[in-house]
C-alpha atoms as a PDB file:
ATOM      1  CA  MET A   1     103.308  79.533 113.206  1.00  0.00           C
ATOM      2  CA  ASN A   2     102.482  81.558 116.269  1.00  0.00           C
ATOM      3  CA  ILE A   3      98.946  80.947 117.608  1.00  0.00           C
ATOM      4  CA  TYR A   4      96.978  83.423 119.734  1.00  0.00           C
ATOM      5  CA  VAL A   5      94.951  81.809 122.534  1.00  0.00           C
ATOM      6  CA  GLY A   6      92.477  84.195 124.138  1.00  0.00           C
ATOM      7  CA  ASN A   7      89.812  84.146 126.854  1.00  0.00           C
ATOM      8  CA  LEU A   8      91.874  81.776 128.997  1.00  0.00           C
ATOM      9  CA  PRO A   9      90.777  81.137 132.572  1.00  0.00           C
ATOM     10  CA  TRP A  10      92.976  83.047 135.048  1.00  0.00           C
ATOM     11  CA  SER A  11      94.078  79.719 136.539  1.00  0.00           C
ATOM     12  CA  ALA A  12      95.464  78.352 133.228  1.00  0.00           C
ATOM     13  CA  THR A  13      99.084  77.209 133.220  1.00  0.00           C
ATOM     14  CA  GLU A  14     101.615  76.825 130.414  1.00  0.00           C
ATOM     15  CA  ASP A  15     101.618  73.050 131.029  1.00  0.00           C
ATOM     16  CA  GLU A  16      97.822  72.887 130.570  1.00  0.00           C
ATOM     17  CA  LEU A  17      98.073  74.854 127.336  1.00  0.00           C
ATOM     18  CA  HIS A  18     100.870  72.575 126.111  1.00  0.00           C
ATOM     19  CA  ASP A  19      98.753  69.494 126.889  1.00  0.00           C
ATOM     20  CA  LEU A  20      95.736  70.997 125.089  1.00  0.00           C
ATOM     21  CA  PHE A  21      97.685  71.579 121.864  1.00  0.00           C
ATOM     22  CA  ALA A  22      99.987  68.503 121.953  1.00  0.00           C
ATOM     23  CA  PRO A  23      97.486  66.063 120.349  1.00  0.00           C
ATOM     24  CA  HIS A  24      97.566  68.209 117.200  1.00  0.00           C
ATOM     25  CA  GLY A  25     101.363  68.194 116.712  1.00  0.00           C
ATOM     26  CA  THR A  26     104.664  69.175 118.266  1.00  0.00           C
ATOM     27  CA  VAL A  27     104.395  72.234 120.492  1.00  0.00           C
ATOM     28  CA  GLU A  28     107.552  74.310 120.110  1.00  0.00           C
ATOM     29  CA  SER A  29     106.780  76.864 122.814  1.00  0.00           C
ATOM     30  CA  VAL A  30     104.024  78.167 125.099  1.00  0.00           C
ATOM     31  CA  ARG A  31     103.903  81.626 126.661  1.00  0.00           C
ATOM     32  CA  LEU A  32     101.199  83.023 128.926  1.00  0.00           C
ATOM     33  CA  VAL A  33     101.112  86.811 129.054  1.00  0.00           C
ATOM     34  CA  THR A  34     101.240  88.392 132.501  1.00  0.00           C
ATOM     35  CA  ASP A  35     100.782  91.930 133.754  1.00  0.00           C
ATOM     36  CA  ARG A  36     104.155  93.663 134.116  1.00  0.00           C
ATOM     37  CA  ASP A  37     103.193  95.352 137.383  1.00  0.00           C
ATOM     38  CA  THR A  38     101.251  92.626 139.215  1.00  0.00           C
ATOM     39  CA  GLY A  39     102.577  89.450 137.599  1.00  0.00           C
ATOM     40  CA  ARG A  40      98.998  88.162 137.267  1.00  0.00           C
ATOM     41  CA  ALA A  41      97.813  86.364 134.141  1.00  0.00           C
ATOM     42  CA  ARG A  42      96.095  88.582 131.567  1.00  0.00           C
ATOM     43  CA  GLY A  43      93.901  85.823 130.124  1.00  0.00           C
ATOM     44  CA  PHE A  44      95.739  85.183 126.867  1.00  0.00           C
ATOM     45  CA  GLY A  45      98.883  83.587 125.549  1.00  0.00           C
ATOM     46  CA  PHE A  46     100.704  82.199 122.552  1.00  0.00           C
ATOM     47  CA  VAL A  47     101.559  78.700 121.346  1.00  0.00           C
ATOM     48  CA  GLU A  48     104.120  78.055 118.622  1.00  0.00           C
ATOM     49  CA  MET A  49     103.785  75.036 116.324  1.00  0.00           C
ATOM     50  CA  ASP A  50     104.713  74.149 112.736  1.00  0.00           C
ATOM     51  CA  ASP A  51     102.250  75.544 110.167  1.00  0.00           C
ATOM     52  CA  GLU A  52     100.407  72.296 109.419  1.00  0.00           C
ATOM     53  CA  SER A  53      99.957  71.371 113.095  1.00  0.00           C
ATOM     54  CA  ALA A  54      98.977  74.919 113.986  1.00  0.00           C
ATOM     55  CA  SER A  55      96.252  75.008 111.333  1.00  0.00           C
ATOM     56  CA  ALA A  56      94.859  71.691 112.603  1.00  0.00           C
ATOM     57  CA  ALA A  57      94.950  72.900 116.222  1.00  0.00           C
ATOM     58  CA  ILE A  58      93.195  76.197 115.385  1.00  0.00           C
ATOM     59  CA  GLU A  59      90.480  74.318 113.471  1.00  0.00           C
ATOM     60  CA  ALA A  60      89.963  71.795 116.278  1.00  0.00           C
ATOM     61  CA  LEU A  61      90.251  74.035 119.342  1.00  0.00           C
ATOM     62  CA  ASP A  62      88.728  77.429 118.454  1.00  0.00           C
ATOM     63  CA  GLY A  63      85.464  77.735 120.406  1.00  0.00           C
ATOM     64  CA  THR A  64      86.209  74.866 122.798  1.00  0.00           C
ATOM     65  CA  GLU A  65      85.963  75.327 126.568  1.00  0.00           C
ATOM     66  CA  MET A  66      88.696  75.434 129.181  1.00  0.00           C
ATOM     67  CA  GLY A  67      87.890  76.133 132.815  1.00  0.00           C
ATOM     68  CA  GLY A  68      84.360  77.218 131.899  1.00  0.00           C
ATOM     69  CA  ARG A  69      85.523  79.776 129.307  1.00  0.00           C
ATOM     70  CA  THR A  70      85.160  79.602 125.526  1.00  0.00           C
ATOM     71  CA  LEU A  71      88.600  79.862 123.945  1.00  0.00           C
ATOM     72  CA  LYS A  72      89.351  82.197 121.052  1.00  0.00           C
ATOM     73  CA  ILE A  73      92.145  80.670 118.978  1.00  0.00           C
ATOM     74  CA  ASN A  74      93.600  82.022 115.745  1.00  0.00           C
ATOM     75  CA  GLU A  75      96.857  82.814 113.987  1.00  0.00           C
ATOM     76  CA  ALA A  76      98.710  85.504 115.937  1.00  0.00           C
ATOM     77  CA  LYS A  77      99.104  88.777 114.078  1.00  0.00           C
ATOM     78  CA  PRO A  78     102.135  91.044 114.533  1.00  0.00           C
ATOM     79  CA  ARG A  79     101.537  93.630 117.232  1.00  0.00           C
ATOM     80  CA  GLU A  80     100.703  97.050 115.849  1.00  0.00           C
ATOM     81  CA  SER A  81     102.661 100.040 117.050  1.00  0.00           C
ATOM     82  CA  ARG A  82     100.611 102.158 119.423  1.00  0.00           C
ATOM     83  CA  GLY A  83     102.779 105.230 118.943  1.00  0.00           C
ATOM     84  CA  PRO A  84     104.233 107.384 121.714  1.00  0.00           C
ATOM     85  CA  LYS A  85     102.541 107.518 125.104  1.00  0.00           C
ATOM     86  CA  ARG A  86     100.545 110.615 125.825  1.00  0.00           C
ATOM     87  CA  TRP A  87     100.064 111.757 129.356  1.00  0.00           C
END
């Protein structure tokens, strides 16, 4: 299952996210989303775990704090198409 992790502190690293989720099961992958132009963190990311571990991690970690920010954690939903760009 792919897990959305939002409201991350700008200083968060993939290793920190891995360590946060590891007590709840095997972390298959971690990806922080960065701005394409600046390379700076955008304050959210994704963690992939097996379904059972992911459910436990979401239950345990949603609403907890990291770096002074309250995390928003839930099952990631497929990205909706935004349609063609309009200038």
